[in-house]
Amino acid sequence: MAMCDNCAYNAYDEDEEDYVCQADMDEDDYYRFLTDKRNGCPFYRNGDEYAVVRHQM
């Protein structure tokens, strides 16, 4: 998922030595996420802090 690369929940885990999603979801949310036919992630949050400022300009 290319969308995960710039998501605010995407964080580097030193134990796993890889990037992992740290969105707060339970088992039901995770199952819906994996089986959903839509392309977008319902937990996606833009990690760009200046996006709102650029939008207002």
C-alpha atoms as a PDB file:
ATOM      1  CA  MET A   1       0.000   0.000   0.000  1.00  0.00           C
ATOM      2  CA  ALA A   2       1.640   3.194  -1.136  1.00  0.00           C
ATOM      3  CA  MET A   3      -0.828   5.178   0.983  1.00  0.00           C
ATOM      4  CA  CYS A   4       0.781   3.783   4.141  1.00  0.00           C
ATOM      5  CA  ASP A   5       4.141   5.360   3.294  1.00  0.00           C
ATOM      6  CA  ASN A   6       2.952   8.858   4.254  1.00  0.00           C
ATOM      7  CA  CYS A   7       0.410   7.895   6.919  1.00  0.00           C
ATOM      8  CA  ALA A   8       0.841   9.358  10.399  1.00  0.00           C
ATOM      9  CA  TYR A   9       0.304   5.882  11.902  1.00  0.00           C
ATOM     10  CA  ASN A  10       3.216   4.368   9.955  1.00  0.00           C
ATOM     11  CA  ALA A  11       6.146   4.106  12.372  1.00  0.00           C
ATOM     12  CA  TYR A  12       9.469   2.286  12.375  1.00  0.00           C
ATOM     13  CA  ASP A  13       9.663  -0.600  14.845  1.00  0.00           C
ATOM     14  CA  GLU A  14      13.248  -1.343  15.877  1.00  0.00           C
ATOM     15  CA  ASP A  15      12.365  -4.832  17.135  1.00  0.00           C
ATOM     16  CA  GLU A  16      10.767  -5.821  13.804  1.00  0.00           C
ATOM     17  CA  GLU A  17      13.247  -3.704  11.794  1.00  0.00           C
ATOM     18  CA  ASP A  18      10.388  -2.623   9.566  1.00  0.00           C
ATOM     19  CA  TYR A  19       7.582  -0.080   9.374  1.00  0.00           C
ATOM     20  CA  VAL A  20       4.329  -1.062  11.096  1.00  0.00           C
ATOM     21  CA  CYS A  21       0.886   0.492  11.358  1.00  0.00           C
ATOM     22  CA  GLN A  22       0.191   1.823  14.835  1.00  0.00           C
ATOM     23  CA  ALA A  23      -3.466   2.686  14.268  1.00  0.00           C
ATOM     24  CA  ASP A  24      -5.610   1.787  17.268  1.00  0.00           C
ATOM     25  CA  MET A  25      -7.812  -1.017  15.926  1.00  0.00           C
ATOM     26  CA  ASP A  26      -9.245  -4.135  17.482  1.00  0.00           C
ATOM     27  CA  GLU A  27      -9.658  -7.571  15.854  1.00  0.00           C
ATOM     28  CA  ASP A  28     -12.991  -6.649  14.246  1.00  0.00           C
ATOM     29  CA  ASP A  29     -11.557  -3.460  12.744  1.00  0.00           C
ATOM     30  CA  TYR A  30      -8.543  -5.373  11.438  1.00  0.00           C
ATOM     31  CA  TYR A  31     -10.758  -8.033   9.843  1.00  0.00           C
ATOM     32  CA  ARG A  32     -12.883  -5.372   8.125  1.00  0.00           C
ATOM     33  CA  PHE A  33      -9.707  -3.645   6.953  1.00  0.00           C
ATOM     34  CA  LEU A  34      -8.379  -6.853   5.366  1.00  0.00           C
ATOM     35  CA  THR A  35     -11.655  -7.923   3.747  1.00  0.00           C
ATOM     36  CA  ASP A  36     -12.884  -4.510   2.574  1.00  0.00           C
ATOM     37  CA  LYS A  37     -13.119  -4.195  -1.202  1.00  0.00           C
ATOM     38  CA  ARG A  38     -12.536  -0.420  -1.185  1.00  0.00           C
ATOM     39  CA  ASN A  39      -9.062   0.855  -2.000  1.00  0.00           C
ATOM     40  CA  GLY A  40      -8.793   3.395   0.813  1.00  0.00           C
ATOM     41  CA  CYS A  41      -7.758   2.754   4.376  1.00  0.00           C
ATOM     42  CA  PRO A  42     -10.391   3.938   6.889  1.00  0.00           C
ATOM     43  CA  PHE A  43      -7.641   4.680   9.437  1.00  0.00           C
ATOM     44  CA  TYR A  44      -5.471   6.790   7.126  1.00  0.00           C
ATOM     45  CA  ARG A  45      -4.350  10.105   8.580  1.00  0.00           C
ATOM     46  CA  ASN A  46      -2.097  12.383   6.573  1.00  0.00           C
ATOM     47  CA  GLY A  47       1.268  12.779   8.287  1.00  0.00           C
ATOM     48  CA  ASP A  48       1.898  16.120   6.578  1.00  0.00           C
ATOM     49  CA  GLU A  49       1.403  18.771   9.252  1.00  0.00           C
ATOM     50  CA  TYR A  50       1.427  21.601   6.712  1.00  0.00           C
ATOM     51  CA  ALA A  51      -1.335  20.220   4.452  1.00  0.00           C
ATOM     52  CA  VAL A  52      -3.999  22.353   6.159  1.00  0.00           C
ATOM     53  CA  VAL A  53      -1.883  25.483   5.852  1.00  0.00           C
ATOM     54  CA  ARG A  54      -1.268  24.900   2.135  1.00  0.00           C
ATOM     55  CA  HIS A  55      -4.991  24.288   1.661  1.00  0.00           C
ATOM     56  CA  GLN A  56      -5.841  27.658   3.243  1.00  0.00           C
ATOM     57  CA  MET A  57      -3.472  29.601   0.986  1.00  0.00           C
END
